[in-house]
Amino acid sequence: MDWSNTPQLIVAVTVTSYWACVLAMVLRSWARFRVSSGSLPKDRLEKRMWIIWAPTIVAWVVLSWSSHNLILKTHSENSTSFLYQTLLGCIWIAAMAALTAFVLTTRCWLSMGRNWSMAVTPGKKTQLITDGPFASVRHPIYALSLLLMLSTLVVVTNGPMLVVAAIHCTMLILKSWNEERYLTSTHGQQYLEYLQQTNRFVPTRAVWKLLFRQTT
């Protein structure tokens, strides 16, 4: 049985499920809480970003189903070679990483509840969440989205997906910066202290504290 296409199927289903969940939360936010989900950004920067980002997300979903890994395809004639099997192994690992990123993201979404929003929403009253997944990094959802995108790129390596990945990662970095600016103006000193205690995407400080405690 040929299992070489299975990782792409896993990633395609995962990416589609991810954005289907986002759409469901947009609808739920209004239907249950009667609050804006930020699906139509009001912030000037995010309005401009969304013009580029929205079609990028559509392309991400489409390419995850329809395009192929050019590197793996190049070596497919010698599927028993060590190089091909190594590449296939890396692709399987990336597929599992994508699935893990989605599962962990759902935990973040649940921990946010009605505070979840797709964009900066001026005037919306939100609670500053600093526990759970947010105790280790300021933007765990974005960090996991980066992992999901990079995993997709490993599984579906080609030019169009590389462009999509570059745009998506750039947008996430800009969005995280913009949110930090907004939250600082909204929550003041409380958020400034939170900034000093956490990193943006990688929980290095939390890991370091854990290792330090275990060795003392």
C-alpha atoms as a PDB file:
ATOM      1  CA  MET A   1       0.000   0.000   0.000  1.00  0.00           C
ATOM      2  CA  ASP A   2       1.283   3.461  -0.959  1.00  0.00           C
ATOM      3  CA  TRP A   3       1.187   5.732   2.108  1.00  0.00           C
ATOM      4  CA  SER A   4       3.127   8.605   0.522  1.00  0.00           C
ATOM      5  CA  ASN A   5       0.008  10.723  -0.068  1.00  0.00           C
ATOM      6  CA  THR A   6      -1.426  10.227   3.414  1.00  0.00           C
ATOM      7  CA  PRO A   7       0.548  13.049   5.129  1.00  0.00           C
ATOM      8  CA  GLN A   8      -0.830  15.567   2.635  1.00  0.00           C
ATOM      9  CA  LEU A   9      -4.349  14.300   3.257  1.00  0.00           C
ATOM     10  CA  ILE A  10      -3.809  14.717   7.010  1.00  0.00           C
ATOM     11  CA  VAL A  11      -2.535  18.263   6.549  1.00  0.00           C
ATOM     12  CA  ALA A  12      -5.293  19.209   4.099  1.00  0.00           C
ATOM     13  CA  VAL A  13      -8.006  17.983   6.466  1.00  0.00           C
ATOM     14  CA  THR A  14      -6.285  19.690   9.414  1.00  0.00           C
ATOM     15  CA  VAL A  15      -5.915  23.064   7.685  1.00  0.00           C
ATOM     16  CA  THR A  16      -9.491  22.948   6.410  1.00  0.00           C
ATOM     17  CA  SER A  17     -10.782  21.994   9.867  1.00  0.00           C
ATOM     18  CA  TYR A  18      -8.750  24.798  11.448  1.00  0.00           C
ATOM     19  CA  TRP A  19     -10.317  27.514   9.321  1.00  0.00           C
ATOM     20  CA  ALA A  20     -13.750  25.905   9.505  1.00  0.00           C
ATOM     21  CA  CYS A  21     -13.478  26.203  13.295  1.00  0.00           C
ATOM     22  CA  VAL A  22     -12.481  29.864  12.966  1.00  0.00           C
ATOM     23  CA  LEU A  23     -15.559  30.488  10.814  1.00  0.00           C
ATOM     24  CA  ALA A  24     -17.736  28.657  13.342  1.00  0.00           C
ATOM     25  CA  MET A  25     -16.347  30.807  16.178  1.00  0.00           C
ATOM     26  CA  VAL A  26     -17.078  33.973  14.196  1.00  0.00           C
ATOM     27  CA  LEU A  27     -20.714  32.904  13.880  1.00  0.00           C
ATOM     28  CA  ARG A  28     -20.856  31.731  17.503  1.00  0.00           C
ATOM     29  CA  SER A  29     -19.403  34.991  18.787  1.00  0.00           C
ATOM     30  CA  TRP A  30     -22.295  36.940  17.366  1.00  0.00           C
ATOM     31  CA  ALA A  31     -25.073  34.377  17.860  1.00  0.00           C
ATOM     32  CA  ARG A  32     -24.261  33.584  21.500  1.00  0.00           C
ATOM     33  CA  PHE A  33     -22.507  36.649  22.876  1.00  0.00           C
ATOM     34  CA  ARG A  34     -23.747  39.365  20.476  1.00  0.00           C
ATOM     35  CA  VAL A  35     -20.216  40.751  20.265  1.00  0.00           C
ATOM     36  CA  SER A  36     -17.936  41.440  17.313  1.00  0.00           C
ATOM     37  CA  SER A  37     -15.481  38.696  16.408  1.00  0.00           C
ATOM     38  CA  GLY A  38     -13.201  41.021  14.475  1.00  0.00           C
ATOM     39  CA  SER A  39     -13.894  39.213  11.199  1.00  0.00           C
ATOM     40  CA  LEU A  40     -14.184  42.681   9.624  1.00  0.00           C
ATOM     41  CA  PRO A  41     -11.241  44.582  11.148  1.00  0.00           C
ATOM     42  CA  LYS A  42     -11.769  48.151  12.335  1.00  0.00           C
ATOM     43  CA  ASP A  43      -8.123  48.917  12.977  1.00  0.00           C
ATOM     44  CA  ARG A  44      -6.515  50.733  10.026  1.00  0.00           C
ATOM     45  CA  LEU A  45      -3.445  48.487   9.847  1.00  0.00           C
ATOM     46  CA  GLU A  46      -5.438  45.273  10.099  1.00  0.00           C
ATOM     47  CA  LYS A  47      -7.864  46.441   7.401  1.00  0.00           C
ATOM     48  CA  ARG A  48      -4.937  46.729   5.011  1.00  0.00           C
ATOM     49  CA  MET A  49      -3.492  43.425   6.177  1.00  0.00           C
ATOM     50  CA  TRP A  50      -6.783  41.613   5.672  1.00  0.00           C
ATOM     51  CA  ILE A  51      -6.847  42.565   1.975  1.00  0.00           C
ATOM     52  CA  ILE A  52      -3.709  40.468   1.522  1.00  0.00           C
ATOM     53  CA  TRP A  53      -4.285  37.909   4.258  1.00  0.00           C
ATOM     54  CA  ALA A  54      -7.792  36.713   3.351  1.00  0.00           C
ATOM     55  CA  PRO A  55      -6.881  35.444  -0.153  1.00  0.00           C
ATOM     56  CA  THR A  56      -3.676  34.001   1.285  1.00  0.00           C
ATOM     57  CA  ILE A  57      -5.691  31.849   3.670  1.00  0.00           C
ATOM     58  CA  VAL A  58      -7.934  30.673   0.821  1.00  0.00           C
ATOM     59  CA  ALA A  59      -4.836  29.801  -1.200  1.00  0.00           C
ATOM     60  CA  TRP A  60      -3.414  27.914   1.805  1.00  0.00           C
ATOM     61  CA  VAL A  61      -6.482  25.684   1.992  1.00  0.00           C
ATOM     62  CA  VAL A  62      -6.673  25.124  -1.762  1.00  0.00           C
ATOM     63  CA  LEU A  63      -2.955  24.359  -2.165  1.00  0.00           C
ATOM     64  CA  SER A  64      -2.980  21.940   0.761  1.00  0.00           C
ATOM     65  CA  TRP A  65      -5.423  19.805  -1.246  1.00  0.00           C
ATOM     66  CA  SER A  66      -4.322  20.356  -4.824  1.00  0.00           C
ATOM     67  CA  SER A  67      -0.553  20.934  -4.998  1.00  0.00           C
ATOM     68  CA  HIS A  68       2.313  18.490  -4.463  1.00  0.00           C
ATOM     69  CA  ASN A  69       5.705  18.240  -2.822  1.00  0.00           C
ATOM     70  CA  LEU A  70       8.079  18.859  -5.715  1.00  0.00           C
ATOM     71  CA  ILE A  71      11.121  17.539  -3.850  1.00  0.00           C
ATOM     72  CA  LEU A  72       9.450  14.244  -3.029  1.00  0.00           C
ATOM     73  CA  LYS A  73       8.032  13.990  -6.536  1.00  0.00           C
ATOM     74  CA  THR A  74      11.503  14.474  -8.015  1.00  0.00           C
ATOM     75  CA  HIS A  75      12.781  11.399  -6.158  1.00  0.00           C
ATOM     76  CA  SER A  76       9.621   9.301  -6.484  1.00  0.00           C
ATOM     77  CA  GLU A  77      11.114   7.074  -9.188  1.00  0.00           C
ATOM     78  CA  ASN A  78      13.472   5.612  -6.602  1.00  0.00           C
ATOM     79  CA  SER A  79      11.060   5.231  -3.701  1.00  0.00           C
ATOM     80  CA  THR A  80      13.227   2.639  -1.956  1.00  0.00           C
ATOM     81  CA  SER A  81      16.263   4.922  -1.685  1.00  0.00           C
ATOM     82  CA  PHE A  82      17.478   6.218   1.649  1.00  0.00           C
ATOM     83  CA  LEU A  83      16.940   9.855   0.561  1.00  0.00           C
ATOM     84  CA  TYR A  84      13.351   9.266  -0.465  1.00  0.00           C
ATOM     85  CA  GLN A  85      12.539   7.397   2.744  1.00  0.00           C
ATOM     86  CA  THR A  86      14.183  10.153   4.817  1.00  0.00           C
ATOM     87  CA  LEU A  87      12.166  12.833   3.048  1.00  0.00           C
ATOM     88  CA  LEU A  88       9.001  10.824   3.532  1.00  0.00           C
ATOM     89  CA  GLY A  89       9.798  10.414   7.226  1.00  0.00           C
ATOM     90  CA  CYS A  90      10.227  14.182   7.630  1.00  0.00           C
ATOM     91  CA  ILE A  91       6.918  14.721   5.857  1.00  0.00           C
ATOM     92  CA  TRP A  92       5.153  12.321   8.218  1.00  0.00           C
ATOM     93  CA  ILE A  93       6.636  14.145  11.223  1.00  0.00           C
ATOM     94  CA  ALA A  94       5.444  17.463   9.802  1.00  0.00           C
ATOM     95  CA  ALA A  95       1.936  16.065   9.288  1.00  0.00           C
ATOM     96  CA  MET A  96       1.795  14.951  12.918  1.00  0.00           C
ATOM     97  CA  ALA A  97       3.094  18.367  14.000  1.00  0.00           C
ATOM     98  CA  ALA A  98       0.302  20.034  12.027  1.00  0.00           C
ATOM     99  CA  LEU A  99      -2.312  17.852  13.689  1.00  0.00           C
ATOM    100  CA  THR A 100      -0.806  18.550  17.114  1.00  0.00           C
ATOM    101  CA  ALA A 101      -0.822  22.295  16.434  1.00  0.00           C
ATOM    102  CA  PHE A 102      -4.533  22.151  15.631  1.00  0.00           C
ATOM    103  CA  VAL A 103      -5.383  20.171  18.759  1.00  0.00           C
ATOM    104  CA  LEU A 104      -3.406  22.561  20.980  1.00  0.00           C
ATOM    105  CA  THR A 105      -5.020  25.552  19.286  1.00  0.00           C
ATOM    106  CA  THR A 106      -8.473  24.309  20.206  1.00  0.00           C
ATOM    107  CA  ARG A 107      -7.377  24.389  23.850  1.00  0.00           C
ATOM    108  CA  CYS A 108      -6.326  28.019  23.441  1.00  0.00           C
ATOM    109  CA  TRP A 109      -9.642  28.902  21.822  1.00  0.00           C
ATOM    110  CA  LEU A 110     -11.564  27.285  24.667  1.00  0.00           C
ATOM    111  CA  SER A 111      -9.495  29.109  27.287  1.00  0.00           C
ATOM    112  CA  MET A 112     -10.324  32.462  25.648  1.00  0.00           C
ATOM    113  CA  GLY A 113     -14.097  31.942  25.447  1.00  0.00           C
ATOM    114  CA  ARG A 114     -15.922  35.161  24.607  1.00  0.00           C
ATOM    115  CA  ASN A 115     -12.626  37.073  24.721  1.00  0.00           C
ATOM    116  CA  TRP A 116     -11.564  35.494  21.422  1.00  0.00           C
ATOM    117  CA  SER A 117     -11.407  37.820  18.456  1.00  0.00           C
ATOM    118  CA  MET A 118      -9.854  37.635  15.010  1.00  0.00           C
ATOM    119  CA  ALA A 119      -8.730  41.253  15.066  1.00  0.00           C
ATOM    120  CA  VAL A 120      -8.182  44.241  17.297  1.00  0.00           C
ATOM    121  CA  THR A 121     -11.665  45.491  18.168  1.00  0.00           C
ATOM    122  CA  PRO A 122     -11.588  48.999  19.673  1.00  0.00           C
ATOM    123  CA  GLY A 123     -14.276  49.483  22.286  1.00  0.00           C
ATOM    124  CA  LYS A 124     -14.805  45.785  22.963  1.00  0.00           C
ATOM    125  CA  LYS A 125     -14.432  44.951  26.645  1.00  0.00           C
ATOM    126  CA  THR A 126     -12.134  41.977  27.084  1.00  0.00           C
ATOM    127  CA  GLN A 127     -10.388  40.305  29.981  1.00  0.00           C
ATOM    128  CA  LEU A 128      -6.599  40.064  29.913  1.00  0.00           C
ATOM    129  CA  ILE A 129      -5.817  36.344  29.899  1.00  0.00           C
ATOM    130  CA  THR A 130      -2.419  35.426  31.338  1.00  0.00           C
ATOM    131  CA  ASP A 131      -2.976  31.860  32.532  1.00  0.00           C
ATOM    132  CA  GLY A 132      -3.195  28.488  30.828  1.00  0.00           C
ATOM    133  CA  PRO A 133      -1.424  28.485  27.442  1.00  0.00           C
ATOM    134  CA  PHE A 134      -0.943  32.249  27.752  1.00  0.00           C
ATOM    135  CA  ALA A 135       1.241  31.872  30.842  1.00  0.00           C
ATOM    136  CA  SER A 136       4.132  30.649  28.691  1.00  0.00           C
ATOM    137  CA  VAL A 137       3.816  32.805  25.552  1.00  0.00           C
ATOM    138  CA  ARG A 138       1.872  35.942  24.687  1.00  0.00           C
ATOM    139  CA  HIS A 139       0.513  34.572  21.408  1.00  0.00           C
ATOM    140  CA  PRO A 140       0.159  30.769  21.635  1.00  0.00           C
ATOM    141  CA  ILE A 141      -2.483  30.706  18.888  1.00  0.00           C
ATOM    142  CA  TYR A 142      -0.210  32.555  16.487  1.00  0.00           C
ATOM    143  CA  ALA A 143       2.758  30.417  17.480  1.00  0.00           C
ATOM    144  CA  LEU A 144       0.758  27.288  16.710  1.00  0.00           C
ATOM    145  CA  SER A 145      -0.478  28.823  13.453  1.00  0.00           C
ATOM    146  CA  LEU A 146       3.150  29.357  12.477  1.00  0.00           C
ATOM    147  CA  LEU A 147       3.820  25.703  13.267  1.00  0.00           C
ATOM    148  CA  LEU A 148       0.792  24.636  11.229  1.00  0.00           C
ATOM    149  CA  MET A 149       1.927  26.699   8.259  1.00  0.00           C
ATOM    150  CA  LEU A 150       5.545  25.529   8.410  1.00  0.00           C
ATOM    151  CA  SER A 151       4.351  21.926   8.710  1.00  0.00           C
ATOM    152  CA  THR A 152       2.176  22.442   5.640  1.00  0.00           C
ATOM    153  CA  LEU A 153       5.175  23.830   3.776  1.00  0.00           C
ATOM    154  CA  VAL A 154       7.234  20.737   4.617  1.00  0.00           C
ATOM    155  CA  VAL A 155       4.469  18.428   3.438  1.00  0.00           C
ATOM    156  CA  VAL A 156       3.591  20.486   0.349  1.00  0.00           C
ATOM    157  CA  THR A 157       6.920  21.973  -0.743  1.00  0.00           C
ATOM    158  CA  ASN A 158       6.607  24.082  -3.878  1.00  0.00           C
ATOM    159  CA  GLY A 159       6.844  27.683  -5.046  1.00  0.00           C
ATOM    160  CA  PRO A 160       3.222  28.802  -4.499  1.00  0.00           C
ATOM    161  CA  MET A 161       3.096  27.336  -0.997  1.00  0.00           C
ATOM    162  CA  LEU A 162       6.395  29.039  -0.149  1.00  0.00           C
ATOM    163  CA  VAL A 163       4.876  32.398  -1.130  1.00  0.00           C
ATOM    164  CA  VAL A 164       1.739  31.677   0.926  1.00  0.00           C
ATOM    165  CA  ALA A 165       3.860  30.681   3.923  1.00  0.00           C
ATOM    166  CA  ALA A 166       5.987  33.831   3.693  1.00  0.00           C
ATOM    167  CA  ILE A 167       2.920  36.081   3.570  1.00  0.00           C
ATOM    168  CA  HIS A 168       1.114  34.257   6.391  1.00  0.00           C
ATOM    169  CA  CYS A 169       4.127  34.321   8.720  1.00  0.00           C
ATOM    170  CA  THR A 170       4.730  38.006   7.993  1.00  0.00           C
ATOM    171  CA  MET A 171       1.089  38.833   8.709  1.00  0.00           C
ATOM    172  CA  LEU A 172       1.192  36.954  12.013  1.00  0.00           C
ATOM    173  CA  ILE A 173       4.266  38.854  13.153  1.00  0.00           C
ATOM    174  CA  LEU A 174       2.695  42.195  12.213  1.00  0.00           C
ATOM    175  CA  LYS A 175      -0.579  41.253  13.880  1.00  0.00           C
ATOM    176  CA  SER A 176       1.095  40.191  17.107  1.00  0.00           C
ATOM    177  CA  TRP A 177       2.961  43.507  17.235  1.00  0.00           C
ATOM    178  CA  ASN A 178      -0.247  45.448  16.577  1.00  0.00           C
ATOM    179  CA  GLU A 179      -2.147  43.558  19.278  1.00  0.00           C
ATOM    180  CA  GLU A 180       0.589  44.186  21.817  1.00  0.00           C
ATOM    181  CA  ARG A 181       0.449  47.883  21.022  1.00  0.00           C
ATOM    182  CA  TYR A 182      -3.321  47.900  21.460  1.00  0.00           C
ATOM    183  CA  LEU A 183      -3.330  45.828  24.656  1.00  0.00           C
ATOM    184  CA  THR A 184      -0.672  48.063  26.181  1.00  0.00           C
ATOM    185  CA  SER A 185      -2.889  51.095  25.581  1.00  0.00           C
ATOM    186  CA  THR A 186      -5.910  49.202  26.964  1.00  0.00           C
ATOM    187  CA  HIS A 187      -4.506  47.388  30.012  1.00  0.00           C
ATOM    188  CA  GLY A 188      -1.539  49.621  30.798  1.00  0.00           C
ATOM    189  CA  GLN A 189       0.895  48.534  33.486  1.00  0.00           C
ATOM    190  CA  GLN A 190      -0.695  45.114  33.893  1.00  0.00           C
ATOM    191  CA  TYR A 191       0.106  44.240  30.298  1.00  0.00           C
ATOM    192  CA  LEU A 192       3.564  45.818  30.455  1.00  0.00           C
ATOM    193  CA  GLU A 193       4.416  43.486  33.337  1.00  0.00           C
ATOM    194  CA  TYR A 194       3.048  40.565  31.333  1.00  0.00           C
ATOM    195  CA  LEU A 195       5.302  41.560  28.412  1.00  0.00           C
ATOM    196  CA  GLN A 196       8.332  41.352  30.668  1.00  0.00           C
ATOM    197  CA  GLN A 197       7.406  37.863  31.883  1.00  0.00           C
ATOM    198  CA  THR A 198       6.721  36.185  28.526  1.00  0.00           C
ATOM    199  CA  ASN A 199       8.069  35.869  24.999  1.00  0.00           C
ATOM    200  CA  ARG A 200       6.027  36.462  21.877  1.00  0.00           C
ATOM    201  CA  PHE A 201       5.978  32.996  20.280  1.00  0.00           C
ATOM    202  CA  VAL A 202       8.536  30.681  21.909  1.00  0.00           C
ATOM    203  CA  PRO A 203       8.138  29.761  25.605  1.00  0.00           C
ATOM    204  CA  THR A 204      11.884  29.859  26.295  1.00  0.00           C
ATOM    205  CA  ARG A 205      11.528  31.614  29.634  1.00  0.00           C
ATOM    206  CA  ALA A 206       9.025  29.078  30.939  1.00  0.00           C
ATOM    207  CA  VAL A 207      11.233  26.197  29.769  1.00  0.00           C
ATOM    208  CA  TRP A 208      14.280  27.778  31.364  1.00  0.00           C
ATOM    209  CA  LYS A 209      12.458  28.230  34.682  1.00  0.00           C
ATOM    210  CA  LEU A 210      11.318  24.607  34.582  1.00  0.00           C
ATOM    211  CA  LEU A 211      14.840  23.318  33.920  1.00  0.00           C
ATOM    212  CA  PHE A 212      16.290  25.599  36.571  1.00  0.00           C
ATOM    213  CA  ARG A 213      13.848  24.371  39.199  1.00  0.00           C
ATOM    214  CA  GLN A 214      14.602  20.761  38.352  1.00  0.00           C
ATOM    215  CA  THR A 215      18.344  21.286  38.776  1.00  0.00           C
ATOM    216  CA  THR A 216      18.185  23.164  42.064  1.00  0.00           C
END
